Amino acid sequence: MDKFPIWPKYRIRIRSKFSFYFPEINQIEEKLHKMFPSGSPVICSSGRAAINIALHYLNQKRNDAIGINSYTSHCVLDAISRIATPVKWNSKNNEIKTRLIYHQWGYVQKEIINIDTIDDCVDSLCEIGTELFPTSKNFEIWSLPKILGTSSGAVLWCKDSNVAEQIRNIRNNRGGGMICWILRIIGLFNKNFYWLWQGLEPQKGKLSSIELFEINNAINNWDRIVKDRKNKLNLLWQFAPKWINKPINRLPCVIPIETGNLEKDKEFKKFKIEIKHFEKKINPEEISVVKVFPLPIHQDISFKSLIRLKNYILNIDY
């Protein structure tokens, strides 16, 4: 039976068709800026480190409340709690001064909020030239393992280029690099090293030359990954719920499929796609959490597997 994980599998991707060119971090950032000129990129070692650095720059303290989505992941909660206090977002809570908005699986939660926001777009694959910062006046965060399947790396996009320079100084003074990356790789096979990396990583930010080499090669395949994602999106979008708009420039990693029919849900689980919670926007002030099957369409899922799954869904008239 095919497996359908939500994100690409994290693995070391260092093969190159050309030469073993080890770029400097500023060269990769310049490349990303040319691809997405509406923001200034700062490459960090992980999305958690990027969140931590952004909150540090915003001068958030332990007694400051950071608004978060329902069912926020433990790693995000951990990254925030090292600086401030995460609380569930409520527009009537006047104590919340900053909000981390998770645009879940690549679907934008369009909101107008009169406080500082950070766009958590960790698993959004943007077409080249896409306008960044869907809600934020400051920051947007990407996780490269969740987008490109690399073993590490994140992009902390800054709307202001001067802010980006200050962020780079914070990153460079934090350390990290090869030791953190080795812990990360060993942690893929040994949980003890994984938890050691988990505790260390959010407070760091720098990357090793091997990580930069891997990230640079992955970025060079951006157009191919986008084309693959768009083809899969078009193949299966007919099964998406009516209450969600089809993405245009920001491509999701999954298509959420509604649950509800016990017999069909039981059959669907045979594909090892687990039911997850998805934040459904009702109106500007209200979000409802619904249960869905997240049908992955990222680059690790073969087109052949998705055609087979599509035929299965059509046969059960889902």
C-alpha atoms as a PDB file:
ATOM      1  CA  MET A   1       0.000   0.000   0.000  1.00  0.00           C
ATOM      2  CA  ASP A   2       1.341   3.458  -0.899  1.00  0.00           C
ATOM      3  CA  LYS A   3       2.138   5.843   1.937  1.00  0.00           C
ATOM      4  CA  PHE A   4       0.891   9.438   1.896  1.00  0.00           C
ATOM      5  CA  PRO A   5       2.775  11.623   4.433  1.00  0.00           C
ATOM      6  CA  ILE A   6       1.739  15.283   4.693  1.00  0.00           C
ATOM      7  CA  TRP A   7       5.224  16.650   3.926  1.00  0.00           C
ATOM      8  CA  PRO A   8       8.191  15.453   1.862  1.00  0.00           C
ATOM      9  CA  LYS A   9      10.498  13.123   3.745  1.00  0.00           C
ATOM     10  CA  TYR A  10      13.447  14.899   5.334  1.00  0.00           C
ATOM     11  CA  ARG A  11      16.607  13.480   3.838  1.00  0.00           C
ATOM     12  CA  ILE A  12      20.087  14.634   2.892  1.00  0.00           C
ATOM     13  CA  ARG A  13      19.876  15.827  -0.704  1.00  0.00           C
ATOM     14  CA  ILE A  14      23.402  16.741  -1.805  1.00  0.00           C
ATOM     15  CA  ARG A  15      23.599  15.260  -5.299  1.00  0.00           C
ATOM     16  CA  SER A  16      24.564  17.727  -7.988  1.00  0.00           C
ATOM     17  CA  LYS A  17      24.524  17.295 -11.766  1.00  0.00           C
ATOM     18  CA  PHE A  18      27.192  19.927 -12.204  1.00  0.00           C
ATOM     19  CA  SER A  19      29.873  20.518  -9.568  1.00  0.00           C
ATOM     20  CA  PHE A  20      30.263  20.592  -5.819  1.00  0.00           C
ATOM     21  CA  TYR A  21      29.897  24.350  -5.546  1.00  0.00           C
ATOM     22  CA  PHE A  22      29.622  25.499  -1.936  1.00  0.00           C
ATOM     23  CA  PRO A  23      27.879  28.905  -1.977  1.00  0.00           C
ATOM     24  CA  GLU A  24      28.080  31.513   0.747  1.00  0.00           C
ATOM     25  CA  ILE A  25      24.862  32.175   2.635  1.00  0.00           C
ATOM     26  CA  ASN A  26      24.559  35.690   1.202  1.00  0.00           C
ATOM     27  CA  GLN A  27      24.692  34.267  -2.342  1.00  0.00           C
ATOM     28  CA  ILE A  28      21.712  32.010  -1.658  1.00  0.00           C
ATOM     29  CA  GLU A  29      19.843  34.905  -0.036  1.00  0.00           C
ATOM     30  CA  GLU A  30      20.506  37.051  -3.123  1.00  0.00           C
ATOM     31  CA  LYS A  31      19.159  34.241  -5.327  1.00  0.00           C
ATOM     32  CA  LEU A  32      15.979  33.996  -3.241  1.00  0.00           C
ATOM     33  CA  HIS A  33      15.536  37.784  -3.331  1.00  0.00           C
ATOM     34  CA  LYS A  34      15.646  37.727  -7.145  1.00  0.00           C
ATOM     35  CA  MET A  35      13.025  34.978  -7.129  1.00  0.00           C
ATOM     36  CA  PHE A  36      10.783  36.804  -4.615  1.00  0.00           C
ATOM     37  CA  PRO A  37      11.677  40.538  -4.732  1.00  0.00           C
ATOM     38  CA  SER A  38       8.866  41.634  -2.385  1.00  0.00           C
ATOM     39  CA  GLY A  39      10.887  40.475   0.639  1.00  0.00           C
ATOM     40  CA  SER A  40      14.421  40.278   2.004  1.00  0.00           C
ATOM     41  CA  PRO A  41      15.356  36.695   2.920  1.00  0.00           C
ATOM     42  CA  VAL A  42      17.359  35.561   5.926  1.00  0.00           C
ATOM     43  CA  ILE A  43      18.277  31.874   5.855  1.00  0.00           C
ATOM     44  CA  CYS A  44      18.072  30.198   9.263  1.00  0.00           C
ATOM     45  CA  SER A  45      18.789  26.650  10.380  1.00  0.00           C
ATOM     46  CA  SER A  46      15.114  25.821  11.074  1.00  0.00           C
ATOM     47  CA  GLY A  47      11.617  27.290  11.212  1.00  0.00           C
ATOM     48  CA  ARG A  48      11.741  27.164  15.021  1.00  0.00           C
ATOM     49  CA  ALA A  49      14.959  29.166  15.067  1.00  0.00           C
ATOM     50  CA  ALA A  50      13.352  31.672  12.663  1.00  0.00           C
ATOM     51  CA  ILE A  51      10.326  32.086  14.967  1.00  0.00           C
ATOM     52  CA  ASN A  52      12.608  32.548  17.950  1.00  0.00           C
ATOM     53  CA  ILE A  53      14.743  35.154  16.181  1.00  0.00           C
ATOM     54  CA  ALA A  54      11.694  37.079  14.924  1.00  0.00           C
ATOM     55  CA  LEU A  55      10.204  37.276  18.430  1.00  0.00           C
ATOM     56  CA  HIS A  56      13.579  38.292  19.815  1.00  0.00           C
ATOM     57  CA  TYR A  57      13.770  41.117  17.271  1.00  0.00           C
ATOM     58  CA  LEU A  58      10.232  42.243  18.197  1.00  0.00           C
ATOM     59  CA  ASN A  59      11.472  42.474  21.789  1.00  0.00           C
ATOM     60  CA  GLN A  60       8.915  39.993  23.118  1.00  0.00           C
ATOM     61  CA  LYS A  61       9.359  38.944  26.745  1.00  0.00           C
ATOM     62  CA  ARG A  62       8.117  36.135  28.973  1.00  0.00           C
ATOM     63  CA  ASN A  63       4.992  38.059  30.049  1.00  0.00           C
ATOM     64  CA  ASP A  64       4.048  38.934  26.450  1.00  0.00           C
ATOM     65  CA  ALA A  65       1.203  36.882  24.945  1.00  0.00           C
ATOM     66  CA  ILE A  66       1.663  35.492  21.416  1.00  0.00           C
ATOM     67  CA  GLY A  67      -1.576  34.518  19.662  1.00  0.00           C
ATOM     68  CA  ILE A  68      -1.498  31.089  17.994  1.00  0.00           C
ATOM     69  CA  ASN A  69      -3.828  28.850  15.978  1.00  0.00           C
ATOM     70  CA  SER A  70      -5.731  25.895  17.377  1.00  0.00           C
ATOM     71  CA  TYR A  71      -3.730  22.649  17.393  1.00  0.00           C
ATOM     72  CA  THR A  72      -0.395  24.443  17.017  1.00  0.00           C
ATOM     73  CA  SER A  73       2.461  21.931  16.850  1.00  0.00           C
ATOM     74  CA  HIS A  74       4.618  21.246  19.893  1.00  0.00           C
ATOM     75  CA  CYS A  75       7.774  22.465  18.144  1.00  0.00           C
ATOM     76  CA  VAL A  76       6.183  25.877  17.498  1.00  0.00           C
ATOM     77  CA  LEU A  77       4.912  26.084  21.072  1.00  0.00           C
ATOM     78  CA  ASP A  78       8.417  25.272  22.266  1.00  0.00           C
ATOM     79  CA  ALA A  79      10.027  27.937  20.053  1.00  0.00           C
ATOM     80  CA  ILE A  80       7.604  30.622  21.269  1.00  0.00           C
ATOM     81  CA  SER A  81       7.739  29.663  24.941  1.00  0.00           C
ATOM     82  CA  ARG A  82      11.502  30.181  25.057  1.00  0.00           C
ATOM     83  CA  ILE A  83      10.829  33.878  24.439  1.00  0.00           C
ATOM     84  CA  ALA A  84       7.205  34.655  25.355  1.00  0.00           C
ATOM     85  CA  THR A  85       3.905  32.946  26.243  1.00  0.00           C
ATOM     86  CA  PRO A  86       1.770  31.249  23.548  1.00  0.00           C
ATOM     87  CA  VAL A  87      -2.013  31.628  23.958  1.00  0.00           C
ATOM     88  CA  LYS A  88      -4.890  30.638  21.684  1.00  0.00           C
ATOM     89  CA  TRP A  89      -5.806  33.559  19.428  1.00  0.00           C
ATOM     90  CA  ASN A  90      -8.854  35.566  20.451  1.00  0.00           C
ATOM     91  CA  SER A  91      -9.518  38.942  18.840  1.00  0.00           C
ATOM     92  CA  LYS A  92     -11.067  40.156  22.112  1.00  0.00           C
ATOM     93  CA  ASN A  93      -7.959  39.382  24.159  1.00  0.00           C
ATOM     94  CA  ASN A  94      -6.268  42.758  24.507  1.00  0.00           C
ATOM     95  CA  GLU A  95      -3.199  41.208  26.098  1.00  0.00           C
ATOM     96  CA  ILE A  96      -2.129  39.672  22.762  1.00  0.00           C
ATOM     97  CA  LYS A  97       0.310  42.064  21.099  1.00  0.00           C
ATOM     98  CA  THR A  98       1.689  39.733  18.411  1.00  0.00           C
ATOM     99  CA  ARG A  99       0.104  36.878  16.474  1.00  0.00           C
ATOM    100  CA  LEU A 100       1.741  33.972  14.690  1.00  0.00           C
ATOM    101  CA  ILE A 101      -0.700  33.064  11.900  1.00  0.00           C
ATOM    102  CA  TYR A 102      -0.274  29.529  10.553  1.00  0.00           C
ATOM    103  CA  HIS A 103      -1.445  29.401   6.950  1.00  0.00           C
ATOM    104  CA  GLN A 104      -2.135  25.707   7.302  1.00  0.00           C
ATOM    105  CA  TRP A 105      -0.693  23.411   4.605  1.00  0.00           C
ATOM    106  CA  GLY A 106      -0.414  26.405   2.267  1.00  0.00           C
ATOM    107  CA  TYR A 107      -3.982  27.787   2.539  1.00  0.00           C
ATOM    108  CA  VAL A 108      -3.917  31.482   3.409  1.00  0.00           C
ATOM    109  CA  GLN A 109      -5.918  32.629   6.437  1.00  0.00           C
ATOM    110  CA  LYS A 110      -6.659  36.120   5.161  1.00  0.00           C
ATOM    111  CA  GLU A 111      -7.226  38.410   8.114  1.00  0.00           C
ATOM    112  CA  ILE A 112      -6.903  42.097   8.904  1.00  0.00           C
ATOM    113  CA  ILE A 113      -5.427  42.441  12.371  1.00  0.00           C
ATOM    114  CA  ASN A 114      -4.342  45.653  14.061  1.00  0.00           C
ATOM    115  CA  ILE A 115      -1.387  44.064  15.855  1.00  0.00           C
ATOM    116  CA  ASP A 116       2.006  42.742  14.799  1.00  0.00           C
ATOM    117  CA  THR A 117       1.697  39.438  12.941  1.00  0.00           C
ATOM    118  CA  ILE A 118       4.143  36.824  11.702  1.00  0.00           C
ATOM    119  CA  ASP A 119       3.037  34.777   8.688  1.00  0.00           C
ATOM    120  CA  ASP A 120       3.822  31.155   9.468  1.00  0.00           C
ATOM    121  CA  CYS A 121       3.929  29.790   5.906  1.00  0.00           C
ATOM    122  CA  VAL A 122       6.182  26.862   6.728  1.00  0.00           C
ATOM    123  CA  ASP A 123       4.606  24.486   4.202  1.00  0.00           C
ATOM    124  CA  SER A 124       3.553  26.940   1.472  1.00  0.00           C
ATOM    125  CA  LEU A 125       5.218  26.450  -1.927  1.00  0.00           C
ATOM    126  CA  CYS A 126       5.135  29.791  -3.734  1.00  0.00           C
ATOM    127  CA  GLU A 127       5.494  30.228  -7.463  1.00  0.00           C
ATOM    128  CA  ILE A 128       8.438  32.445  -8.341  1.00  0.00           C
ATOM    129  CA  GLY A 129       7.402  36.093  -8.136  1.00  0.00           C
ATOM    130  CA  THR A 130       4.586  35.539  -5.631  1.00  0.00           C
ATOM    131  CA  GLU A 131       3.840  38.535  -3.423  1.00  0.00           C
ATOM    132  CA  LEU A 132       4.901  37.738   0.118  1.00  0.00           C
ATOM    133  CA  PHE A 133       3.434  38.662   3.527  1.00  0.00           C
ATOM    134  CA  PRO A 134      -0.272  37.801   3.121  1.00  0.00           C
ATOM    135  CA  THR A 135      -1.124  39.371   6.507  1.00  0.00           C
ATOM    136  CA  SER A 136       2.109  40.500   8.141  1.00  0.00           C
ATOM    137  CA  LYS A 137       3.785  43.897   8.114  1.00  0.00           C
ATOM    138  CA  ASN A 138       7.062  42.314   9.196  1.00  0.00           C
ATOM    139  CA  PHE A 139       7.813  38.637   8.688  1.00  0.00           C
ATOM    140  CA  GLU A 140       6.981  35.478   6.748  1.00  0.00           C
ATOM    141  CA  ILE A 141       8.553  32.104   7.576  1.00  0.00           C
ATOM    142  CA  TRP A 142       9.189  29.092   5.323  1.00  0.00           C
ATOM    143  CA  SER A 143      10.447  25.663   6.372  1.00  0.00           C
ATOM    144  CA  LEU A 144      12.661  24.250   3.624  1.00  0.00           C
ATOM    145  CA  PRO A 145      12.321  20.619   4.801  1.00  0.00           C
ATOM    146  CA  LYS A 146       8.530  20.944   4.510  1.00  0.00           C
ATOM    147  CA  ILE A 147       8.742  22.666   1.111  1.00  0.00           C
ATOM    148  CA  LEU A 148      11.819  21.175  -0.552  1.00  0.00           C
ATOM    149  CA  GLY A 149      12.429  18.063   1.548  1.00  0.00           C
ATOM    150  CA  THR A 150      15.912  19.169   2.648  1.00  0.00           C
ATOM    151  CA  SER A 151      17.378  17.983   5.931  1.00  0.00           C
ATOM    152  CA  SER A 152      17.336  21.494   7.446  1.00  0.00           C
ATOM    153  CA  GLY A 153      16.892  25.189   6.732  1.00  0.00           C
ATOM    154  CA  ALA A 154      14.262  27.904   6.830  1.00  0.00           C
ATOM    155  CA  VAL A 155      13.737  31.356   5.368  1.00  0.00           C
ATOM    156  CA  LEU A 156      12.769  34.278   7.571  1.00  0.00           C
ATOM    157  CA  TRP A 157      11.437  36.823   5.094  1.00  0.00           C
ATOM    158  CA  CYS A 158      11.631  40.461   6.196  1.00  0.00           C
ATOM    159  CA  LYS A 159       9.560  43.186   4.581  1.00  0.00           C
ATOM    160  CA  ASP A 160      12.198  45.801   5.441  1.00  0.00           C
ATOM    161  CA  SER A 161      15.729  45.203   4.105  1.00  0.00           C
ATOM    162  CA  ASN A 162      17.223  47.117   7.040  1.00  0.00           C
ATOM    163  CA  VAL A 163      15.439  44.790   9.437  1.00  0.00           C
ATOM    164  CA  ALA A 164      16.845  41.832   7.487  1.00  0.00           C
ATOM    165  CA  GLU A 165      20.382  43.079   8.128  1.00  0.00           C
ATOM    166  CA  GLN A 166      19.675  43.300  11.850  1.00  0.00           C
ATOM    167  CA  ILE A 167      18.166  39.807  11.783  1.00  0.00           C
ATOM    168  CA  ARG A 168      21.277  38.439  10.067  1.00  0.00           C
ATOM    169  CA  ASN A 169      23.431  39.895  12.839  1.00  0.00           C
ATOM    170  CA  ILE A 170      21.259  38.158  15.446  1.00  0.00           C
ATOM    171  CA  ARG A 171      21.528  34.867  13.530  1.00  0.00           C
ATOM    172  CA  ASN A 172      25.293  35.105  13.099  1.00  0.00           C
ATOM    173  CA  ASN A 173      25.841  35.768  16.800  1.00  0.00           C
ATOM    174  CA  ARG A 174      23.831  32.718  17.861  1.00  0.00           C
ATOM    175  CA  GLY A 175      26.018  29.948  16.542  1.00  0.00           C
ATOM    176  CA  GLY A 176      24.890  26.530  15.373  1.00  0.00           C
ATOM    177  CA  GLY A 177      26.251  25.025  12.182  1.00  0.00           C
ATOM    178  CA  MET A 178      27.764  21.574  11.757  1.00  0.00           C
ATOM    179  CA  ILE A 179      27.264  20.257  15.304  1.00  0.00           C
ATOM    180  CA  CYS A 180      23.527  21.035  15.276  1.00  0.00           C
ATOM    181  CA  TRP A 181      23.148  19.537  11.813  1.00  0.00           C
ATOM    182  CA  ILE A 182      24.918  16.300  12.819  1.00  0.00           C
ATOM    183  CA  LEU A 183      22.619  16.003  15.833  1.00  0.00           C
ATOM    184  CA  ARG A 184      19.678  16.524  13.487  1.00  0.00           C
ATOM    185  CA  ILE A 185      20.799  13.762  11.117  1.00  0.00           C
ATOM    186  CA  ILE A 186      21.560  11.276  13.891  1.00  0.00           C
ATOM    187  CA  GLY A 187      18.240  12.236  15.459  1.00  0.00           C
ATOM    188  CA  LEU A 188      16.436  10.886  12.386  1.00  0.00           C
ATOM    189  CA  PHE A 189      17.508   7.430  13.553  1.00  0.00           C
ATOM    190  CA  ASN A 190      17.872   7.855  17.314  1.00  0.00           C
ATOM    191  CA  LYS A 191      15.234   9.608  19.445  1.00  0.00           C
ATOM    192  CA  ASN A 192      17.723  10.532  22.183  1.00  0.00           C
ATOM    193  CA  PHE A 193      19.745  12.636  19.757  1.00  0.00           C
ATOM    194  CA  TYR A 194      16.527  14.006  18.268  1.00  0.00           C
ATOM    195  CA  TRP A 195      15.402  15.413  21.628  1.00  0.00           C
ATOM    196  CA  LEU A 196      18.869  16.787  22.229  1.00  0.00           C
ATOM    197  CA  TRP A 197      18.654  18.608  18.886  1.00  0.00           C
ATOM    198  CA  GLN A 198      15.110  19.773  19.688  1.00  0.00           C
ATOM    199  CA  GLY A 199      16.290  21.450  22.877  1.00  0.00           C
ATOM    200  CA  LEU A 200      19.303  23.126  21.281  1.00  0.00           C
ATOM    201  CA  GLU A 201      18.080  24.181  17.843  1.00  0.00           C
ATOM    202  CA  PRO A 202      15.554  26.999  18.605  1.00  0.00           C
ATOM    203  CA  GLN A 203      18.279  29.066  20.267  1.00  0.00           C
ATOM    204  CA  LYS A 204      20.655  28.802  17.294  1.00  0.00           C
ATOM    205  CA  GLY A 205      20.317  29.808  13.633  1.00  0.00           C
ATOM    206  CA  LYS A 206      23.532  29.410  11.616  1.00  0.00           C
ATOM    207  CA  LEU A 207      24.048  26.697   9.000  1.00  0.00           C
ATOM    208  CA  SER A 208      27.023  24.612   7.906  1.00  0.00           C
ATOM    209  CA  SER A 209      28.473  24.688   4.386  1.00  0.00           C
ATOM    210  CA  ILE A 210      26.986  21.238   3.672  1.00  0.00           C
ATOM    211  CA  GLU A 211      23.500  22.483   4.563  1.00  0.00           C
ATOM    212  CA  LEU A 212      23.931  25.524   2.321  1.00  0.00           C
ATOM    213  CA  PHE A 213      25.120  23.280  -0.527  1.00  0.00           C
ATOM    214  CA  GLU A 214      22.043  21.086  -0.113  1.00  0.00           C
ATOM    215  CA  ILE A 215      19.651  24.046   0.095  1.00  0.00           C
ATOM    216  CA  ASN A 216      21.173  25.716  -2.964  1.00  0.00           C
ATOM    217  CA  ASN A 217      20.728  22.559  -5.059  1.00  0.00           C
ATOM    218  CA  ALA A 218      17.131  22.217  -3.899  1.00  0.00           C
ATOM    219  CA  ILE A 219      16.330  25.843  -4.769  1.00  0.00           C
ATOM    220  CA  ASN A 220      17.678  25.232  -8.274  1.00  0.00           C
ATOM    221  CA  ASN A 221      14.819  22.728  -8.724  1.00  0.00           C
ATOM    222  CA  TRP A 222      12.126  25.221  -7.665  1.00  0.00           C
ATOM    223  CA  ASP A 223      10.386  25.476 -11.043  1.00  0.00           C
ATOM    224  CA  ARG A 224      10.272  21.703 -11.444  1.00  0.00           C
ATOM    225  CA  ILE A 225       8.734  21.249  -7.984  1.00  0.00           C
ATOM    226  CA  VAL A 226       6.150  23.967  -8.677  1.00  0.00           C
ATOM    227  CA  LYS A 227       5.158  22.380 -11.995  1.00  0.00           C
ATOM    228  CA  ASP A 228       4.794  18.977 -10.344  1.00  0.00           C
ATOM    229  CA  ARG A 229       2.675  20.449  -7.527  1.00  0.00           C
ATOM    230  CA  LYS A 230       0.353  22.313  -9.907  1.00  0.00           C
ATOM    231  CA  ASN A 231      -0.252  19.170 -11.977  1.00  0.00           C
ATOM    232  CA  LYS A 232      -1.207  17.203  -8.865  1.00  0.00           C
ATOM    233  CA  LEU A 233      -3.382  20.029  -7.569  1.00  0.00           C
ATOM    234  CA  ASN A 234      -5.321  20.093 -10.838  1.00  0.00           C
ATOM    235  CA  LEU A 235      -5.629  16.305 -10.850  1.00  0.00           C
ATOM    236  CA  LEU A 236      -7.363  16.094  -7.468  1.00  0.00           C
ATOM    237  CA  TRP A 237      -8.889  19.490  -6.776  1.00  0.00           C
ATOM    238  CA  GLN A 238     -12.375  18.227  -7.669  1.00  0.00           C
ATOM    239  CA  PHE A 239     -12.422  16.443  -4.292  1.00  0.00           C
ATOM    240  CA  ALA A 240     -11.672  19.598  -2.286  1.00  0.00           C
ATOM    241  CA  PRO A 241     -14.537  20.950  -0.122  1.00  0.00           C
ATOM    242  CA  LYS A 242     -16.629  23.792  -1.542  1.00  0.00           C
ATOM    243  CA  TRP A 243     -15.744  26.101   1.355  1.00  0.00           C
ATOM    244  CA  ILE A 244     -12.088  26.382   0.383  1.00  0.00           C
ATOM    245  CA  ASN A 245     -10.775  28.475  -2.507  1.00  0.00           C
ATOM    246  CA  LYS A 246      -8.391  26.951  -5.014  1.00  0.00           C
ATOM    247  CA  PRO A 247      -4.880  28.365  -4.456  1.00  0.00           C
ATOM    248  CA  ILE A 248      -3.271  30.308  -7.273  1.00  0.00           C
ATOM    249  CA  ASN A 249       0.297  31.372  -6.491  1.00  0.00           C
ATOM    250  CA  ARG A 250       0.700  29.669  -3.109  1.00  0.00           C
ATOM    251  CA  LEU A 251       0.540  25.937  -3.631  1.00  0.00           C
ATOM    252  CA  PRO A 252      -0.472  23.672  -0.727  1.00  0.00           C
ATOM    253  CA  CYS A 253       1.195  20.403   0.222  1.00  0.00           C
ATOM    254  CA  VAL A 254      -2.170  18.648   0.688  1.00  0.00           C
ATOM    255  CA  ILE A 255      -5.802  18.836  -0.404  1.00  0.00           C
ATOM    256  CA  PRO A 256      -8.130  18.489   2.599  1.00  0.00           C
ATOM    257  CA  ILE A 257     -10.983  16.051   2.000  1.00  0.00           C
ATOM    258  CA  GLU A 258     -14.024  16.184   4.250  1.00  0.00           C
ATOM    259  CA  THR A 259     -14.907  13.284   6.513  1.00  0.00           C
ATOM    260  CA  GLY A 260     -18.426  12.300   7.519  1.00  0.00           C
ATOM    261  CA  ASN A 261     -19.386   8.961   6.013  1.00  0.00           C
ATOM    262  CA  LEU A 262     -18.222   6.266   8.435  1.00  0.00           C
ATOM    263  CA  GLU A 263     -17.943   3.510   5.833  1.00  0.00           C
ATOM    264  CA  LYS A 264     -16.090   5.665   3.328  1.00  0.00           C
ATOM    265  CA  ASP A 265     -13.831   7.082   6.034  1.00  0.00           C
ATOM    266  CA  LYS A 266     -12.935   3.557   7.081  1.00  0.00           C
ATOM    267  CA  GLU A 267     -12.011   2.623   3.525  1.00  0.00           C
ATOM    268  CA  PHE A 268     -10.031   5.835   3.054  1.00  0.00           C
ATOM    269  CA  LYS A 269      -7.894   5.045   6.105  1.00  0.00           C
ATOM    270  CA  LYS A 270      -6.593   1.982   4.299  1.00  0.00           C
ATOM    271  CA  PHE A 271      -4.332   4.379   2.416  1.00  0.00           C
ATOM    272  CA  LYS A 272      -2.772   5.299   5.789  1.00  0.00           C
ATOM    273  CA  ILE A 273      -3.974   8.889   5.539  1.00  0.00           C
ATOM    274  CA  GLU A 274      -4.750   9.980   9.080  1.00  0.00           C
ATOM    275  CA  ILE A 275      -7.577  12.340  10.000  1.00  0.00           C
ATOM    276  CA  LYS A 276      -6.267  15.785  10.942  1.00  0.00           C
ATOM    277  CA  HIS A 277      -7.762  19.055  12.179  1.00  0.00           C
ATOM    278  CA  PHE A 278      -8.124  21.933   9.733  1.00  0.00           C
ATOM    279  CA  GLU A 279      -9.053  25.538  10.526  1.00  0.00           C
ATOM    280  CA  LYS A 280     -12.055  26.457   8.400  1.00  0.00           C
ATOM    281  CA  LYS A 281     -12.684  30.187   8.052  1.00  0.00           C
ATOM    282  CA  ILE A 282     -16.349  31.076   8.657  1.00  0.00           C
ATOM    283  CA  ASN A 283     -16.087  34.878   8.755  1.00  0.00           C
ATOM    284  CA  PRO A 284     -13.404  37.470   9.668  1.00  0.00           C
ATOM    285  CA  GLU A 285     -14.031  36.869  13.373  1.00  0.00           C
ATOM    286  CA  GLU A 286     -14.779  33.150  13.504  1.00  0.00           C
ATOM    287  CA  ILE A 287     -12.817  30.028  12.639  1.00  0.00           C
ATOM    288  CA  SER A 288     -14.215  26.519  12.970  1.00  0.00           C
ATOM    289  CA  VAL A 289     -11.947  23.493  13.398  1.00  0.00           C
ATOM    290  CA  VAL A 290     -13.053  20.572  11.203  1.00  0.00           C
ATOM    291  CA  LYS A 291     -11.710  17.060  10.662  1.00  0.00           C
ATOM    292  CA  VAL A 292     -10.331  16.222   7.225  1.00  0.00           C
ATOM    293  CA  PHE A 293      -8.242  13.677   5.377  1.00  0.00           C
ATOM    294  CA  PRO A 294      -5.156  15.612   4.157  1.00  0.00           C
ATOM    295  CA  LEU A 295      -4.439  14.201   0.704  1.00  0.00           C
ATOM    296  CA  PRO A 296      -0.729  14.925  -0.022  1.00  0.00           C
ATOM    297  CA  ILE A 297       0.285  16.314  -3.413  1.00  0.00           C
ATOM    298  CA  HIS A 298       3.938  17.154  -2.769  1.00  0.00           C
ATOM    299  CA  GLN A 299       6.941  15.937  -4.772  1.00  0.00           C
ATOM    300  CA  ASP A 300       7.482  12.727  -2.787  1.00  0.00           C
ATOM    301  CA  ILE A 301       4.077  11.384  -3.874  1.00  0.00           C
ATOM    302  CA  SER A 302       4.183   9.833  -7.332  1.00  0.00           C
ATOM    303  CA  PHE A 303       1.664  10.909  -9.949  1.00  0.00           C
ATOM    304  CA  LYS A 304       0.907   7.243 -10.540  1.00  0.00           C
ATOM    305  CA  SER A 305      -0.049   6.783  -6.876  1.00  0.00           C
ATOM    306  CA  LEU A 306      -2.373   9.789  -7.001  1.00  0.00           C
ATOM    307  CA  ILE A 307      -4.096   8.530 -10.156  1.00  0.00           C
ATOM    308  CA  ARG A 308      -4.652   5.214  -8.399  1.00  0.00           C
ATOM    309  CA  LEU A 309      -6.059   7.043  -5.375  1.00  0.00           C
ATOM    310  CA  LYS A 310      -8.247   9.236  -7.582  1.00  0.00           C
ATOM    311  CA  ASN A 311      -9.772   6.174  -9.217  1.00  0.00           C
ATOM    312  CA  TYR A 312     -10.401   4.707  -5.800  1.00  0.00           C
ATOM    313  CA  ILE A 313     -12.220   7.846  -4.628  1.00  0.00           C
ATOM    314  CA  LEU A 314     -14.330   7.913  -7.796  1.00  0.00           C
ATOM    315  CA  ASN A 315     -15.244   4.235  -7.367  1.00  0.00           C
ATOM    316  CA  ILE A 316     -16.606   4.874  -3.885  1.00  0.00           C
ATOM    317  CA  ASP A 317     -18.274   8.106  -5.094  1.00  0.00           C
ATOM    318  CA  TYR A 318     -16.648  10.097  -2.324  1.00  0.00           C
END
